[in-house]
Amino acid sequence: MVNQMAQDALLRNFAVIGEASHKIETHYRGFPADHPKLPLTFAYQMRNTVGHGYFKADLEIVRRTIHRDLPRL
């Protein structure tokens, strides 16, 4: 990552995306079935890792997710 502030901002944004994905699954139960290609569960799991994993977050996985997965969404 470029610097600590950028890294923290990226991890925070993943936490927000993951929390929002969980809210979608919880409050709009038909949405995941209608959009099976959206990785809502993965987003929430990643949120838990970056939000509660503290020093355990694998920044290489974060980097790959940014470059490989986010553009498809």
N, C-alpha and C. Protein backbone atom coordinates (compact mmCIF):
# COMPACT_ATOMS: atom_id res chain seq x y z
N MET A 1 0.85 -1.18 0.00
CA MET A 1 0.00 0.00 0.00
C MET A 1 0.89 1.24 0.00
N VAL A 2 0.36 2.32 -0.53
CA VAL A 2 1.14 3.53 -0.71
C VAL A 2 1.57 4.12 0.63
N ASN A 3 0.63 4.30 1.53
CA ASN A 3 0.98 4.84 2.85
C ASN A 3 -0.06 4.36 3.87
N GLN A 4 0.22 4.60 5.11
CA GLN A 4 -0.64 4.11 6.19
C GLN A 4 -2.04 4.70 6.12
N MET A 5 -2.16 5.98 5.79
CA MET A 5 -3.48 6.61 5.74
C MET A 5 -4.31 6.01 4.60
N ALA A 6 -3.70 5.78 3.45
CA ALA A 6 -4.42 5.17 2.32
C ALA A 6 -4.83 3.74 2.68
N GLN A 7 -3.93 3.00 3.32
CA GLN A 7 -4.24 1.64 3.74
C GLN A 7 -5.42 1.63 4.72
N ASP A 8 -5.40 2.50 5.69
CA ASP A 8 -6.49 2.58 6.66
C ASP A 8 -7.81 2.93 5.98
N ALA A 9 -7.75 3.85 5.02
CA ALA A 9 -8.96 4.25 4.30
C ALA A 9 -9.52 3.08 3.49
N LEU A 10 -8.65 2.33 2.83
CA LEU A 10 -9.11 1.17 2.05
C LEU A 10 -9.75 0.13 2.95
N LEU A 11 -9.11 -0.16 4.07
CA LEU A 11 -9.67 -1.15 4.99
C LEU A 11 -11.01 -0.68 5.55
N ARG A 12 -11.11 0.59 5.84
CA ARG A 12 -12.38 1.15 6.35
C ARG A 12 -13.47 1.03 5.30
N ASN A 13 -13.14 1.30 4.05
CA ASN A 13 -14.13 1.19 2.98
C ASN A 13 -14.58 -0.25 2.78
N PHE A 14 -13.66 -1.20 2.92
CA PHE A 14 -14.07 -2.60 2.84
C PHE A 14 -14.99 -2.96 4.00
N ALA A 15 -14.74 -2.42 5.16
CA ALA A 15 -15.62 -2.66 6.30
C ALA A 15 -17.02 -2.10 6.03
N VAL A 16 -17.10 -0.92 5.45
CA VAL A 16 -18.40 -0.31 5.13
C VAL A 16 -19.14 -1.13 4.07
N ILE A 17 -18.43 -1.54 3.02
CA ILE A 17 -19.04 -2.35 1.97
C ILE A 17 -19.55 -3.67 2.55
N GLY A 18 -18.76 -4.28 3.39
CA GLY A 18 -19.16 -5.56 3.99
C GLY A 18 -20.35 -5.42 4.90
N GLU A 19 -20.40 -4.36 5.67
CA GLU A 19 -21.55 -4.14 6.55
C GLU A 19 -22.80 -3.89 5.73
N ALA A 20 -22.66 -3.13 4.66
CA ALA A 20 -23.82 -2.87 3.78
C ALA A 20 -24.29 -4.16 3.12
N SER A 21 -23.38 -5.02 2.73
CA SER A 21 -23.77 -6.29 2.11
C SER A 21 -24.55 -7.15 3.10
N HIS A 22 -24.16 -7.12 4.35
CA HIS A 22 -24.87 -7.88 5.38
C HIS A 22 -26.28 -7.31 5.59
N LYS A 23 -26.39 -5.99 5.58
CA LYS A 23 -27.72 -5.37 5.72
C LYS A 23 -28.63 -5.75 4.56
N ILE A 24 -28.06 -5.83 3.35
CA ILE A 24 -28.85 -6.24 2.19
C ILE A 24 -29.37 -7.65 2.41
N GLU A 25 -28.47 -8.55 2.81
CA GLU A 25 -28.88 -9.94 3.03
C GLU A 25 -29.93 -10.06 4.13
N THR A 26 -29.83 -9.22 5.14
CA THR A 26 -30.74 -9.28 6.28
C THR A 26 -32.10 -8.65 5.98
N HIS A 27 -32.08 -7.49 5.34
CA HIS A 27 -33.32 -6.72 5.17
C HIS A 27 -34.02 -6.94 3.83
N TYR A 28 -33.31 -7.45 2.85
CA TYR A 28 -33.89 -7.68 1.52
C TYR A 28 -33.57 -9.11 1.11
N ARG A 29 -34.25 -10.03 1.76
CA ARG A 29 -33.92 -11.45 1.64
C ARG A 29 -33.97 -11.98 0.21
N GLY A 30 -34.79 -11.42 -0.65
CA GLY A 30 -34.86 -11.89 -2.03
C GLY A 30 -33.73 -11.38 -2.90
N PHE A 31 -33.06 -10.33 -2.49
CA PHE A 31 -32.01 -9.72 -3.31
C PHE A 31 -30.86 -10.67 -3.62
N PRO A 32 -30.31 -11.38 -2.63
CA PRO A 32 -29.21 -12.30 -2.95
C PRO A 32 -29.61 -13.39 -3.95
N ALA A 33 -30.81 -13.90 -3.84
CA ALA A 33 -31.26 -14.92 -4.80
C ALA A 33 -31.42 -14.33 -6.19
N ASP A 34 -31.85 -13.09 -6.26
CA ASP A 34 -32.02 -12.42 -7.56
C ASP A 34 -30.68 -12.00 -8.17
N HIS A 35 -29.64 -11.92 -7.36
CA HIS A 35 -28.31 -11.47 -7.81
C HIS A 35 -27.24 -12.42 -7.27
N PRO A 36 -27.27 -13.68 -7.71
CA PRO A 36 -26.37 -14.68 -7.14
C PRO A 36 -24.89 -14.44 -7.41
N LYS A 37 -24.57 -13.62 -8.40
CA LYS A 37 -23.15 -13.38 -8.70
C LYS A 37 -22.52 -12.34 -7.79
N LEU A 38 -23.32 -11.60 -7.03
CA LEU A 38 -22.77 -10.63 -6.09
C LEU A 38 -22.22 -11.37 -4.87
N PRO A 39 -20.99 -11.14 -4.52
CA PRO A 39 -20.36 -11.86 -3.41
C PRO A 39 -20.69 -11.23 -2.05
N LEU A 40 -21.97 -11.20 -1.71
CA LEU A 40 -22.38 -10.52 -0.48
C LEU A 40 -21.81 -11.18 0.76
N THR A 41 -21.84 -12.49 0.81
CA THR A 41 -21.32 -13.20 1.98
C THR A 41 -19.82 -13.00 2.10
N PHE A 42 -19.10 -13.07 0.97
CA PHE A 42 -17.65 -12.84 1.00
C PHE A 42 -17.35 -11.43 1.49
N ALA A 43 -18.13 -10.45 1.04
CA ALA A 43 -17.91 -9.06 1.45
C ALA A 43 -18.07 -8.93 2.96
N TYR A 44 -19.07 -9.60 3.52
CA TYR A 44 -19.27 -9.53 4.96
C TYR A 44 -18.14 -10.24 5.71
N GLN A 45 -17.68 -11.37 5.19
CA GLN A 45 -16.56 -12.08 5.82
C GLN A 45 -15.30 -11.22 5.78
N MET A 46 -15.09 -10.53 4.67
CA MET A 46 -13.92 -9.66 4.57
C MET A 46 -14.04 -8.51 5.55
N ARG A 47 -15.24 -8.00 5.71
CA ARG A 47 -15.50 -6.93 6.69
C ARG A 47 -15.10 -7.39 8.08
N ASN A 48 -15.49 -8.60 8.42
CA ASN A 48 -15.14 -9.13 9.74
C ASN A 48 -13.63 -9.25 9.91
N THR A 49 -12.95 -9.65 8.86
CA THR A 49 -11.49 -9.79 8.93
C THR A 49 -10.82 -8.44 9.10
N VAL A 50 -11.19 -7.47 8.25
CA VAL A 50 -10.52 -6.17 8.34
C VAL A 50 -11.01 -5.37 9.56
N GLY A 51 -12.25 -5.63 9.98
CA GLY A 51 -12.79 -4.89 11.11
C GLY A 51 -12.39 -5.43 12.46
N HIS A 52 -12.17 -6.74 12.52
CA HIS A 52 -11.86 -7.36 13.81
C HIS A 52 -10.54 -8.11 13.82
N GLY A 53 -9.94 -8.27 12.64
CA GLY A 53 -8.69 -9.01 12.55
C GLY A 53 -7.48 -8.19 12.93
N TYR A 54 -7.68 -6.85 12.95
CA TYR A 54 -6.60 -5.95 13.31
C TYR A 54 -5.34 -6.24 12.51
N PHE A 55 -4.33 -6.80 13.08
CA PHE A 55 -3.07 -7.01 12.38
C PHE A 55 -3.07 -8.27 11.53
N LYS A 56 -4.19 -8.96 11.48
CA LYS A 56 -4.26 -10.21 10.73
C LYS A 56 -4.77 -10.00 9.30
N ALA A 57 -5.19 -8.82 8.95
CA ALA A 57 -5.70 -8.57 7.60
C ALA A 57 -4.58 -8.79 6.59
N ASP A 58 -4.84 -9.64 5.61
CA ASP A 58 -3.85 -9.95 4.58
C ASP A 58 -3.95 -8.90 3.49
N LEU A 59 -2.99 -8.00 3.44
CA LEU A 59 -3.05 -6.88 2.51
C LEU A 59 -2.90 -7.34 1.06
N GLU A 60 -2.33 -8.50 0.83
CA GLU A 60 -2.25 -9.04 -0.53
C GLU A 60 -3.64 -9.43 -1.02
N ILE A 61 -4.46 -10.00 -0.14
CA ILE A 61 -5.84 -10.34 -0.51
C ILE A 61 -6.62 -9.06 -0.78
N VAL A 62 -6.41 -8.05 0.02
CA VAL A 62 -7.07 -6.76 -0.19
C VAL A 62 -6.68 -6.20 -1.56
N ARG A 63 -5.39 -6.24 -1.88
CA ARG A 63 -4.90 -5.72 -3.15
C ARG A 63 -5.52 -6.48 -4.33
N ARG A 64 -5.54 -7.82 -4.24
CA ARG A 64 -6.14 -8.62 -5.31
C ARG A 64 -7.62 -8.33 -5.45
N THR A 65 -8.30 -8.17 -4.35
CA THR A 65 -9.74 -7.86 -4.40
C THR A 65 -9.98 -6.53 -5.09
N ILE A 66 -9.17 -5.55 -4.79
CA ILE A 66 -9.31 -4.24 -5.42
C ILE A 66 -9.12 -4.35 -6.93
N HIS A 67 -8.11 -5.05 -7.36
CA HIS A 67 -7.76 -5.09 -8.78
C HIS A 67 -8.57 -6.12 -9.57
N ARG A 68 -8.96 -7.21 -8.95
CA ARG A 68 -9.63 -8.29 -9.67
C ARG A 68 -11.15 -8.26 -9.50
N ASP A 69 -11.62 -8.06 -8.28
CA ASP A 69 -13.04 -8.23 -8.00
C ASP A 69 -13.85 -6.94 -8.10
N LEU A 70 -13.34 -5.85 -7.57
CA LEU A 70 -14.12 -4.61 -7.56
C LEU A 70 -14.49 -4.11 -8.95
N PRO A 71 -13.58 -4.18 -9.94
CA PRO A 71 -13.98 -3.70 -11.26
C PRO A 71 -15.17 -4.46 -11.86
N ARG A 72 -15.32 -5.74 -11.54
CA ARG A 72 -16.45 -6.52 -12.07
C ARG A 72 -17.77 -6.12 -11.43
N LEU A 73 -17.72 -5.55 -10.24
CA LEU A 73 -18.95 -5.17 -9.57
C LEU A 73 -19.48 -3.88 -10.17
